[in-house]
PDB file of N, CA and C in Angstrom:
ATOM      1  N   MET A   1       9.991 -15.240   5.064  1.00  0.00           N
ATOM      2  CA  MET A   1       9.172 -14.050   5.105  1.00  0.00           C
ATOM      3  C   MET A   1       9.512 -13.146   3.928  1.00  0.00           C
ATOM      4  N   GLU A   2      10.785 -13.025   3.627  1.00  0.00           N
ATOM      5  CA  GLU A   2      11.195 -12.174   2.516  1.00  0.00           C
ATOM      6  C   GLU A   2      10.611 -12.683   1.203  1.00  0.00           C
ATOM      7  N   GLU A   3      10.618 -14.004   1.029  1.00  0.00           N
ATOM      8  CA  GLU A   3      10.067 -14.587  -0.196  1.00  0.00           C
ATOM      9  C   GLU A   3       8.565 -14.304  -0.313  1.00  0.00           C
ATOM     10  N   LEU A   4       7.857 -14.374   0.804  1.00  0.00           N
ATOM     11  CA  LEU A   4       6.426 -14.070   0.806  1.00  0.00           C
ATOM     12  C   LEU A   4       6.194 -12.606   0.429  1.00  0.00           C
ATOM     13  N   GLY A   5       6.981 -11.694   1.008  1.00  0.00           N
ATOM     14  CA  GLY A   5       6.865 -10.274   0.666  1.00  0.00           C
ATOM     15  C   GLY A   5       7.135 -10.022  -0.804  1.00  0.00           C
ATOM     16  N   ASN A   6       8.154 -10.668  -1.332  1.00  0.00           N
ATOM     17  CA  ASN A   6       8.463 -10.518  -2.756  1.00  0.00           C
ATOM     18  C   ASN A   6       7.333 -11.061  -3.631  1.00  0.00           C
ATOM     19  N   ALA A   7       6.750 -12.179  -3.226  1.00  0.00           N
ATOM     20  CA  ALA A   7       5.653 -12.770  -4.006  1.00  0.00           C
ATOM     21  C   ALA A   7       4.435 -11.849  -4.017  1.00  0.00           C
ATOM     22  N   ILE A   8       4.117 -11.245  -2.876  1.00  0.00           N
ATOM     23  CA  ILE A   8       2.980 -10.314  -2.805  1.00  0.00           C
ATOM     24  C   ILE A   8       3.245  -9.099  -3.692  1.00  0.00           C
ATOM     25  N   ASN A   9       4.441  -8.527  -3.578  1.00  0.00           N
ATOM     26  CA  ASN A   9       4.803  -7.363  -4.388  1.00  0.00           C
ATOM     27  C   ASN A   9       4.741  -7.686  -5.876  1.00  0.00           C
ATOM     28  N   GLU A  10       5.256  -8.843  -6.246  1.00  0.00           N
ATOM     29  CA  GLU A  10       5.267  -9.255  -7.642  1.00  0.00           C
ATOM     30  C   GLU A  10       3.852  -9.456  -8.183  1.00  0.00           C
ATOM     31  N   SER A  11       2.986 -10.056  -7.364  1.00  0.00           N
ATOM     32  CA  SER A  11       1.613 -10.291  -7.833  1.00  0.00           C
ATOM     33  C   SER A  11       0.866  -8.974  -8.027  1.00  0.00           C
ATOM     34  N   LEU A  12       1.127  -7.981  -7.170  1.00  0.00           N
ATOM     35  CA  LEU A  12       0.499  -6.675  -7.342  1.00  0.00           C
ATOM     36  C   LEU A  12       1.050  -5.975  -8.574  1.00  0.00           C
ATOM     37  N   SER A  13       2.361  -6.071  -8.786  1.00  0.00           N
ATOM     38  CA  SER A  13       2.993  -5.435  -9.936  1.00  0.00           C
ATOM     39  C   SER A  13       2.501  -6.032 -11.249  1.00  0.00           C
ATOM     40  N   ASP A  14       2.216  -7.318 -11.252  1.00  0.00           N
ATOM     41  CA  ASP A  14       1.795  -8.008 -12.468  1.00  0.00           C
ATOM     42  C   ASP A  14       0.289  -7.947 -12.709  1.00  0.00           C
ATOM     43  N   SER A  15      -0.463  -7.367 -11.795  1.00  0.00           N
ATOM     44  CA  SER A  15      -1.914  -7.359 -11.908  1.00  0.00           C
ATOM     45  C   SER A  15      -2.389  -6.386 -12.986  1.00  0.00           C
ATOM     46  N   GLU A  16      -3.047  -6.910 -13.999  1.00  0.00           N
ATOM     47  CA  GLU A  16      -3.600  -6.069 -15.059  1.00  0.00           C
ATOM     48  C   GLU A  16      -4.717  -5.182 -14.515  1.00  0.00           C
ATOM     49  N   ARG A  17      -5.474  -5.682 -13.575  1.00  0.00           N
ATOM     50  CA  ARG A  17      -6.575  -4.909 -13.001  1.00  0.00           C
ATOM     51  C   ARG A  17      -6.053  -3.682 -12.248  1.00  0.00           C
ATOM     52  N   ILE A  18      -4.994  -3.880 -11.461  1.00  0.00           N
ATOM     53  CA  ILE A  18      -4.396  -2.765 -10.730  1.00  0.00           C
ATOM     54  C   ILE A  18      -3.773  -1.772 -11.714  1.00  0.00           C
ATOM     55  N   ALA A  19      -3.051  -2.274 -12.716  1.00  0.00           N
ATOM     56  CA  ALA A  19      -2.432  -1.401 -13.715  1.00  0.00           C
ATOM     57  C   ALA A  19      -3.488  -0.596 -14.460  1.00  0.00           C
ATOM     58  N   SER A  20      -4.606  -1.219 -14.754  1.00  0.00           N
ATOM     59  CA  SER A  20      -5.694  -0.530 -15.447  1.00  0.00           C
ATOM     60  C   SER A  20      -6.283   0.586 -14.594  1.00  0.00           C
ATOM     61  N   ALA A  21      -6.523   0.289 -13.316  1.00  0.00           N
ATOM     62  CA  ALA A  21      -7.088   1.297 -12.415  1.00  0.00           C
ATOM     63  C   ALA A  21      -6.127   2.472 -12.246  1.00  0.00           C
ATOM     64  N   ILE A  22      -4.838   2.178 -12.092  1.00  0.00           N
ATOM     65  CA  ILE A  22      -3.841   3.237 -11.959  1.00  0.00           C
ATOM     66  C   ILE A  22      -3.766   4.046 -13.245  1.00  0.00           C
ATOM     67  N   GLY A  23      -3.852   3.389 -14.391  1.00  0.00           N
ATOM     68  CA  GLY A  23      -3.843   4.082 -15.682  1.00  0.00           C
ATOM     69  C   GLY A  23      -5.003   5.057 -15.814  1.00  0.00           C
ATOM     70  N   GLU A  24      -6.181   4.640 -15.366  1.00  0.00           N
ATOM     71  CA  GLU A  24      -7.350   5.522 -15.424  1.00  0.00           C
ATOM     72  C   GLU A  24      -7.150   6.757 -14.559  1.00  0.00           C
ATOM     73  N   ILE A  25      -6.584   6.568 -13.377  1.00  0.00           N
ATOM     74  CA  ILE A  25      -6.331   7.691 -12.468  1.00  0.00           C
ATOM     75  C   ILE A  25      -5.315   8.651 -13.091  1.00  0.00           C
ATOM     76  N   LYS A  26      -4.264   8.104 -13.701  1.00  0.00           N
ATOM     77  CA  LYS A  26      -3.252   8.942 -14.344  1.00  0.00           C
ATOM     78  C   LYS A  26      -3.848   9.709 -15.522  1.00  0.00           C
ATOM     79  N   ARG A  27      -4.701   9.057 -16.317  1.00  0.00           N
ATOM     80  CA  ARG A  27      -5.341   9.734 -17.452  1.00  0.00           C
ATOM     81  C   ARG A  27      -6.249  10.862 -16.986  1.00  0.00           C
ATOM     82  N   ALA A  28      -6.744  10.759 -15.764  1.00  0.00           N
ATOM     83  CA  ALA A  28      -7.583  11.821 -15.207  1.00  0.00           C
ATOM     84  C   ALA A  28      -6.737  12.980 -14.679  1.00  0.00           C
ATOM     85  N   GLY A  29      -5.404  12.868 -14.783  1.00  0.00           N
ATOM     86  CA  GLY A  29      -4.529  13.965 -14.410  1.00  0.00           C
ATOM     87  C   GLY A  29      -3.938  13.898 -13.022  1.00  0.00           C
ATOM     88  N   TYR A  30      -3.984  12.749 -12.410  1.00  0.00           N
ATOM     89  CA  TYR A  30      -3.453  12.607 -11.048  1.00  0.00           C
ATOM     90  C   TYR A  30      -2.170  11.801 -11.057  1.00  0.00           C
ATOM     91  N   ASP A  31      -1.259  12.138 -10.119  1.00  0.00           N
ATOM     92  CA  ASP A  31      -0.116  11.278  -9.851  1.00  0.00           C
ATOM     93  C   ASP A  31      -0.599  10.204  -8.884  1.00  0.00           C
ATOM     94  N   VAL A  32      -0.054   9.006  -9.014  1.00  0.00           N
ATOM     95  CA  VAL A  32      -0.524   7.889  -8.193  1.00  0.00           C
ATOM     96  C   VAL A  32       0.634   7.303  -7.399  1.00  0.00           C
ATOM     97  N   PHE A  33       0.387   7.060  -6.128  1.00  0.00           N
ATOM     98  CA  PHE A  33       1.308   6.260  -5.337  1.00  0.00           C
ATOM     99  C   PHE A  33       0.467   5.294  -4.527  1.00  0.00           C
ATOM    100  N   LEU A  34       0.975   4.110  -4.367  1.00  0.00           N
ATOM    101  CA  LEU A  34       0.244   3.056  -3.685  1.00  0.00           C
ATOM    102  C   LEU A  34       1.086   2.532  -2.544  1.00  0.00           C
ATOM    103  N   VAL A  35       0.539   2.599  -1.345  1.00  0.00           N
ATOM    104  CA  VAL A  35       1.224   2.081  -0.165  1.00  0.00           C
ATOM    105  C   VAL A  35       0.291   1.075   0.495  1.00  0.00           C
ATOM    106  N   LEU A  36       0.745  -0.138   0.625  1.00  0.00           N
ATOM    107  CA  LEU A  36      -0.027  -1.184   1.281  1.00  0.00           C
ATOM    108  C   LEU A  36       0.741  -1.666   2.492  1.00  0.00           C
ATOM    109  N   GLU A  37      -0.004  -1.987   3.530  1.00  0.00           N
ATOM    110  CA  GLU A  37       0.619  -2.519   4.738  1.00  0.00           C
ATOM    111  C   GLU A  37       0.024  -3.897   5.001  1.00  0.00           C
ATOM    112  N   ALA A  38       0.888  -4.839   5.237  1.00  0.00           N
ATOM    113  CA  ALA A  38       0.424  -6.194   5.532  1.00  0.00           C
ATOM    114  C   ALA A  38       1.028  -6.639   6.854  1.00  0.00           C
ATOM    115  N   THR A  39       0.216  -7.257   7.654  1.00  0.00           N
ATOM    116  CA  THR A  39       0.701  -7.858   8.889  1.00  0.00           C
ATOM    117  C   THR A  39       0.642  -9.362   8.703  1.00  0.00           C
ATOM    118  N   ILE A  40       1.782  -9.982   8.823  1.00  0.00           N
ATOM    119  CA  ILE A  40       1.869 -11.425   8.626  1.00  0.00           C
ATOM    120  C   ILE A  40       2.352 -12.037   9.928  1.00  0.00           C
ATOM    121  N   GLY A  41       1.566 -12.939  10.476  1.00  0.00           N
ATOM    122  CA  GLY A  41       1.927 -13.578  11.731  1.00  0.00           C
ATOM    123  C   GLY A  41       2.297 -15.030  11.516  1.00  0.00           C
ATOM    124  N   PHE A  42       3.203 -15.498  12.313  1.00  0.00           N
ATOM    125  CA  PHE A  42       3.602 -16.901  12.274  1.00  0.00           C
ATOM    126  C   PHE A  42       3.357 -17.507  13.639  1.00  0.00           C
ATOM    127  N   ASN A  43       2.824 -18.706  13.647  1.00  0.00           N
ATOM    128  CA  ASN A  43       2.535 -19.400  14.882  1.00  0.00           C
ATOM    129  C   ASN A  43       2.947 -20.853  14.698  1.00  0.00           C
ATOM    130  N   LYS A  44       3.970 -21.263  15.387  1.00  0.00           N
ATOM    131  CA  LYS A  44       4.449 -22.646  15.281  1.00  0.00           C
ATOM    132  C   LYS A  44       3.417 -23.582  15.887  1.00  0.00           C
ATOM    133  N   ARG A  45       2.969 -24.568  15.110  1.00  0.00           N
ATOM    134  CA  ARG A  45       1.992 -25.540  15.599  1.00  0.00           C
ATOM    135  C   ARG A  45       2.699 -26.736  16.200  1.00  0.00           C
ATOM    136  N   THR A  46       2.026 -27.359  17.153  1.00  0.00           N
ATOM    137  CA  THR A  46       2.536 -28.603  17.725  1.00  0.00           C
ATOM    138  C   THR A  46       2.051 -29.753  16.852  1.00  0.00           C
ATOM    139  N   PRO A  47       2.660 -30.929  16.963  1.00  0.00           N
ATOM    140  CA  PRO A  47       2.191 -32.073  16.158  1.00  0.00           C
ATOM    141  C   PRO A  47       0.706 -32.377  16.384  1.00  0.00           C
ATOM    142  N   ASP A  48       0.181 -32.181  17.615  1.00  0.00           N
ATOM    143  CA  ASP A  48      -1.236 -32.429  17.883  1.00  0.00           C
ATOM    144  C   ASP A  48      -2.111 -31.480  17.076  1.00  0.00           C
ATOM    145  N   GLU A  49      -1.716 -30.231  16.976  1.00  0.00           N
ATOM    146  CA  GLU A  49      -2.487 -29.252  16.200  1.00  0.00           C
ATOM    147  C   GLU A  49      -2.462 -29.602  14.725  1.00  0.00           C
ATOM    148  N   ASP A  50      -1.326 -30.131  14.228  1.00  0.00           N
ATOM    149  CA  ASP A  50      -1.246 -30.547  12.831  1.00  0.00           C
ATOM    150  C   ASP A  50      -2.275 -31.631  12.537  1.00  0.00           C
ATOM    151  N   LEU A  51      -2.446 -32.597  13.463  1.00  0.00           N
ATOM    152  CA  LEU A  51      -3.437 -33.656  13.275  1.00  0.00           C
ATOM    153  C   LEU A  51      -4.851 -33.083  13.269  1.00  0.00           C
ATOM    154  N   ASP A  52      -5.153 -32.164  14.193  1.00  0.00           N
ATOM    155  CA  ASP A  52      -6.474 -31.550  14.248  1.00  0.00           C
ATOM    156  C   ASP A  52      -6.789 -30.818  12.950  1.00  0.00           C
ATOM    157  N   THR A  53      -5.818 -30.108  12.395  1.00  0.00           N
ATOM    158  CA  THR A  53      -6.014 -29.346  11.164  1.00  0.00           C
ATOM    159  C   THR A  53      -6.292 -30.282  10.004  1.00  0.00           C
ATOM    160  N   GLU A  54      -5.528 -31.379   9.917  1.00  0.00           N
ATOM    161  CA  GLU A  54      -5.717 -32.320   8.820  1.00  0.00           C
ATOM    162  C   GLU A  54      -7.080 -32.992   8.898  1.00  0.00           C
ATOM    163  N   GLU A  55      -7.532 -33.354  10.079  1.00  0.00           N
ATOM    164  CA  GLU A  55      -8.802 -34.054  10.224  1.00  0.00           C
ATOM    165  C   GLU A  55      -9.989 -33.155   9.936  1.00  0.00           C
ATOM    166  N   SER A  56      -9.956 -31.920  10.443  1.00  0.00           N
ATOM    167  CA  SER A  56     -11.125 -31.052  10.304  1.00  0.00           C
ATOM    168  C   SER A  56     -11.071 -30.188   9.063  1.00  0.00           C
ATOM    169  N   GLY A  57      -9.865 -29.984   8.500  1.00  0.00           N
ATOM    170  CA  GLY A  57      -9.730 -29.088   7.364  1.00  0.00           C
ATOM    171  C   GLY A  57      -9.819 -27.625   7.772  1.00  0.00           C
ATOM    172  N   VAL A  58      -9.765 -27.340   9.067  1.00  0.00           N
ATOM    173  CA  VAL A  58      -9.861 -25.972   9.566  1.00  0.00           C
ATOM    174  C   VAL A  58      -8.573 -25.616  10.275  1.00  0.00           C
ATOM    175  N   GLU A  59      -8.044 -24.446   9.954  1.00  0.00           N
ATOM    176  CA  GLU A  59      -6.822 -23.949  10.584  1.00  0.00           C
ATOM    177  C   GLU A  59      -7.123 -23.572  12.026  1.00  0.00           C
ATOM    178  N   THR A  60      -6.280 -23.979  12.969  1.00  0.00           N
ATOM    179  CA  THR A  60      -6.487 -23.599  14.367  1.00  0.00           C
ATOM    180  C   THR A  60      -5.580 -22.442  14.707  1.00  0.00           C
ATOM    181  N   GLY A  61      -6.078 -21.515  15.498  1.00  0.00           N
ATOM    182  CA  GLY A  61      -5.278 -20.370  15.918  1.00  0.00           C
ATOM    183  C   GLY A  61      -5.111 -19.361  14.810  1.00  0.00           C
ATOM    184  N   ASP A  62      -5.280 -18.095  15.123  1.00  0.00           N
ATOM    185  CA  ASP A  62      -5.106 -17.037  14.153  1.00  0.00           C
ATOM    186  C   ASP A  62      -4.022 -16.111  14.671  1.00  0.00           C
ATOM    187  N   ALA A  63      -2.823 -16.250  14.119  1.00  0.00           N
ATOM    188  CA  ALA A  63      -1.691 -15.462  14.599  1.00  0.00           C
ATOM    189  C   ALA A  63      -1.814 -14.001  14.205  1.00  0.00           C
ATOM    190  N   SER A  64      -2.680 -13.675  13.234  1.00  0.00           N
ATOM    191  CA  SER A  64      -2.778 -12.292  12.792  1.00  0.00           C
ATOM    192  C   SER A  64      -3.650 -11.454  13.713  1.00  0.00           C
ATOM    193  N   CYS A  65      -4.445 -12.069  14.553  1.00  0.00           N
ATOM    194  CA  CYS A  65      -5.331 -11.333  15.456  1.00  0.00           C
ATOM    195  C   CYS A  65      -4.914 -11.597  16.894  1.00  0.00           C
ATOM    196  N   PRO A  66      -4.364 -10.589  17.543  1.00  0.00           N
ATOM    197  CA  PRO A  66      -3.979 -10.800  18.937  1.00  0.00           C
ATOM    198  C   PRO A  66      -5.200 -10.971  19.822  1.00  0.00           C
ATOM    199  N   PRO A  67      -5.056 -11.626  20.974  1.00  0.00           N
ATOM    200  CA  PRO A  67      -6.196 -11.811  21.858  1.00  0.00           C
ATOM    201  C   PRO A  67      -6.707 -10.453  22.345  1.00  0.00           C
ATOM    202  N   PRO A  68      -8.016 -10.347  22.603  1.00  0.00           N
ATOM    203  CA  PRO A  68      -8.548  -9.069  23.054  1.00  0.00           C
ATOM    204  C   PRO A  68      -7.939  -8.653  24.385  1.00  0.00           C
ATOM    205  N   SER A  69      -7.758  -7.366  24.539  1.00  0.00           N
ATOM    206  CA  SER A  69      -7.176  -6.825  25.750  1.00  0.00           C
ATOM    207  C   SER A  69      -8.281  -6.481  26.728  1.00  0.00           C
ATOM    208  N   SER A  70      -8.001  -6.647  28.024  1.00  0.00           N
ATOM    209  CA  SER A  70      -9.011  -6.324  29.021  1.00  0.00           C
ATOM    210  C   SER A  70      -9.061  -4.824  29.289  1.00  0.00           C
ATOM    211  N   SER A  71      -7.995  -4.097  28.941  1.00  0.00           N
ATOM    212  CA  SER A  71      -8.000  -2.653  29.151  1.00  0.00           C
ATOM    213  C   SER A  71      -8.256  -1.944  27.823  1.00  0.00           C
ATOM    214  N   PRO A  72      -9.114  -0.911  27.833  1.00  0.00           N
ATOM    215  CA  PRO A  72      -9.408  -0.206  26.584  1.00  0.00           C
ATOM    216  C   PRO A  72      -8.196   0.566  26.091  1.00  0.00           C
ATOM    217  N   ARG A  73      -8.063   0.662  24.783  1.00  0.00           N
ATOM    218  CA  ARG A  73      -6.959   1.402  24.182  1.00  0.00           C
ATOM    219  C   ARG A  73      -7.480   2.715  23.621  1.00  0.00           C
ATOM    220  N   ARG A  74      -6.657   3.728  23.653  1.00  0.00           N
ATOM    221  CA  ARG A  74      -6.994   5.018  23.065  1.00  0.00           C
ATOM    222  C   ARG A  74      -6.437   5.045  21.649  1.00  0.00           C
ATOM    223  N   ILE A  75      -7.253   5.443  20.716  1.00  0.00           N
ATOM    224  CA  ILE A  75      -6.823   5.589  19.335  1.00  0.00           C
ATOM    225  C   ILE A  75      -6.733   7.069  19.026  1.00  0.00           C
ATOM    226  N   ARG A  76      -5.610   7.481  18.480  1.00  0.00           N
ATOM    227  CA  ARG A  76      -5.438   8.881  18.122  1.00  0.00           C
ATOM    228  C   ARG A  76      -5.742   9.028  16.637  1.00  0.00           C
ATOM    229  N   TRP A  77      -6.805   9.753  16.320  1.00  0.00           N
ATOM    230  CA  TRP A  77      -7.222   9.976  14.942  1.00  0.00           C
ATOM    231  C   TRP A  77      -6.550  11.224  14.385  1.00  0.00           C
ATOM    232  N   THR A  78      -6.093  11.148  13.161  1.00  0.00           N
ATOM    233  CA  THR A  78      -5.613  12.345  12.477  1.00  0.00           C
ATOM    234  C   THR A  78      -6.787  12.950  11.726  1.00  0.00           C
ATOM    235  N   SER A  79      -6.628  14.156  11.231  1.00  0.00           N
ATOM    236  CA  SER A  79      -7.707  14.775  10.454  1.00  0.00           C
ATOM    237  C   SER A  79      -7.970  13.966   9.177  1.00  0.00           C
ATOM    238  N   GLN A  80      -6.928  13.368   8.623  1.00  0.00           N
ATOM    239  CA  GLN A  80      -7.100  12.524   7.432  1.00  0.00           C
ATOM    240  C   GLN A  80      -7.937  11.280   7.755  1.00  0.00           C
ATOM    241  N   ASP A  81      -7.697  10.694   8.934  1.00  0.00           N
ATOM    242  CA  ASP A  81      -8.485   9.540   9.365  1.00  0.00           C
ATOM    243  C   ASP A  81      -9.961   9.910   9.451  1.00  0.00           C
ATOM    244  N   GLU A  82     -10.231  11.056  10.078  1.00  0.00           N
ATOM    245  CA  GLU A  82     -11.616  11.498  10.255  1.00  0.00           C
ATOM    246  C   GLU A  82     -12.285  11.763   8.916  1.00  0.00           C
ATOM    247  N   LYS A  83     -11.590  12.404   7.992  1.00  0.00           N
ATOM    248  CA  LYS A  83     -12.149  12.668   6.661  1.00  0.00           C
ATOM    249  C   LYS A  83     -12.473  11.354   5.950  1.00  0.00           C
ATOM    250  N   PHE A  84     -11.556  10.403   6.049  1.00  0.00           N
ATOM    251  CA  PHE A  84     -11.758   9.114   5.403  1.00  0.00           C
ATOM    252  C   PHE A  84     -12.975   8.397   5.976  1.00  0.00           C
ATOM    253  N   LEU A  85     -13.081   8.360   7.305  1.00  0.00           N
ATOM    254  CA  LEU A  85     -14.208   7.683   7.940  1.00  0.00           C
ATOM    255  C   LEU A  85     -15.530   8.383   7.604  1.00  0.00           C
ATOM    256  N   ARG A  86     -15.515   9.718   7.590  1.00  0.00           N
ATOM    257  CA  ARG A  86     -16.738  10.444   7.211  1.00  0.00           C
ATOM    258  C   ARG A  86     -17.137  10.123   5.772  1.00  0.00           C
ATOM    259  N   ALA A  87     -16.155  10.001   4.885  1.00  0.00           N
ATOM    260  CA  ALA A  87     -16.437   9.669   3.484  1.00  0.00           C
ATOM    261  C   ALA A  87     -17.097   8.301   3.371  1.00  0.00           C
ATOM    262  N   LEU A  88     -16.767   7.410   4.299  1.00  0.00           N
ATOM    263  CA  LEU A  88     -17.379   6.081   4.320  1.00  0.00           C
ATOM    264  C   LEU A  88     -18.668   6.050   5.140  1.00  0.00           C
ATOM    265  N   LYS A  89     -19.084   7.222   5.604  1.00  0.00           N
ATOM    266  CA  LYS A  89     -20.303   7.365   6.425  1.00  0.00           C
ATOM    267  C   LYS A  89     -20.179   6.602   7.745  1.00  0.00           C
ATOM    268  N   ILE A  90     -18.976   6.661   8.335  1.00  0.00           N
ATOM    269  CA  ILE A  90     -18.721   6.030   9.635  1.00  0.00           C
ATOM    270  C   ILE A  90     -18.619   7.133  10.659  1.00  0.00           C
ATOM    271  N   ALA A  91     -19.475   7.068  11.683  1.00  0.00           N
ATOM    272  CA  ALA A  91     -19.489   8.095  12.717  1.00  0.00           C
ATOM    273  C   ALA A  91     -18.391   7.820  13.731  1.00  0.00           C
ATOM    274  N   ILE A  92     -17.815   8.884  14.232  1.00  0.00           N
ATOM    275  CA  ILE A  92     -16.778   8.783  15.249  1.00  0.00           C
ATOM    276  C   ILE A  92     -17.364   9.335  16.539  1.00  0.00           C
ATOM    277  N   GLU A  93     -17.369   8.506  17.573  1.00  0.00           N
ATOM    278  CA  GLU A  93     -17.896   8.942  18.864  1.00  0.00           C
ATOM    279  C   GLU A  93     -16.783   9.589  19.662  1.00  0.00           C
ATOM    280  N   ASP A  94     -17.037  10.800  20.187  1.00  0.00           N
ATOM    281  CA  ASP A  94     -16.067  11.482  21.041  1.00  0.00           C
ATOM    282  C   ASP A  94     -16.265  11.021  22.472  1.00  0.00           C
ATOM    283  N   ASP A  95     -15.139  10.827  23.183  1.00  0.00           N
ATOM    284  CA  ASP A  95     -15.220  10.434  24.604  1.00  0.00           C
ATOM    285  C   ASP A  95     -15.382  11.646  25.476  1.00  0.00           C
TER     286      ASP A  95
END
């Protein structure tokens, strides 16, 4: 997992496109900080699943998406969340 994290960080650091975009923001007079969050899931496959994957060419099971819950969850929005969603023209329904 550590090696994967290092590889992701290194690829972002080496990206000319990202460096260019950050450079443009800095030239416009802004300080820049970049925070990315990644969720990486691991799911040990059984030998039968390995055969299914090889035959179909399709990965079985998605460890990054937990199964849907039968009980609704409450999401607590911050004012920053609301501003961001409004900027994207996403309406927030109040309960």
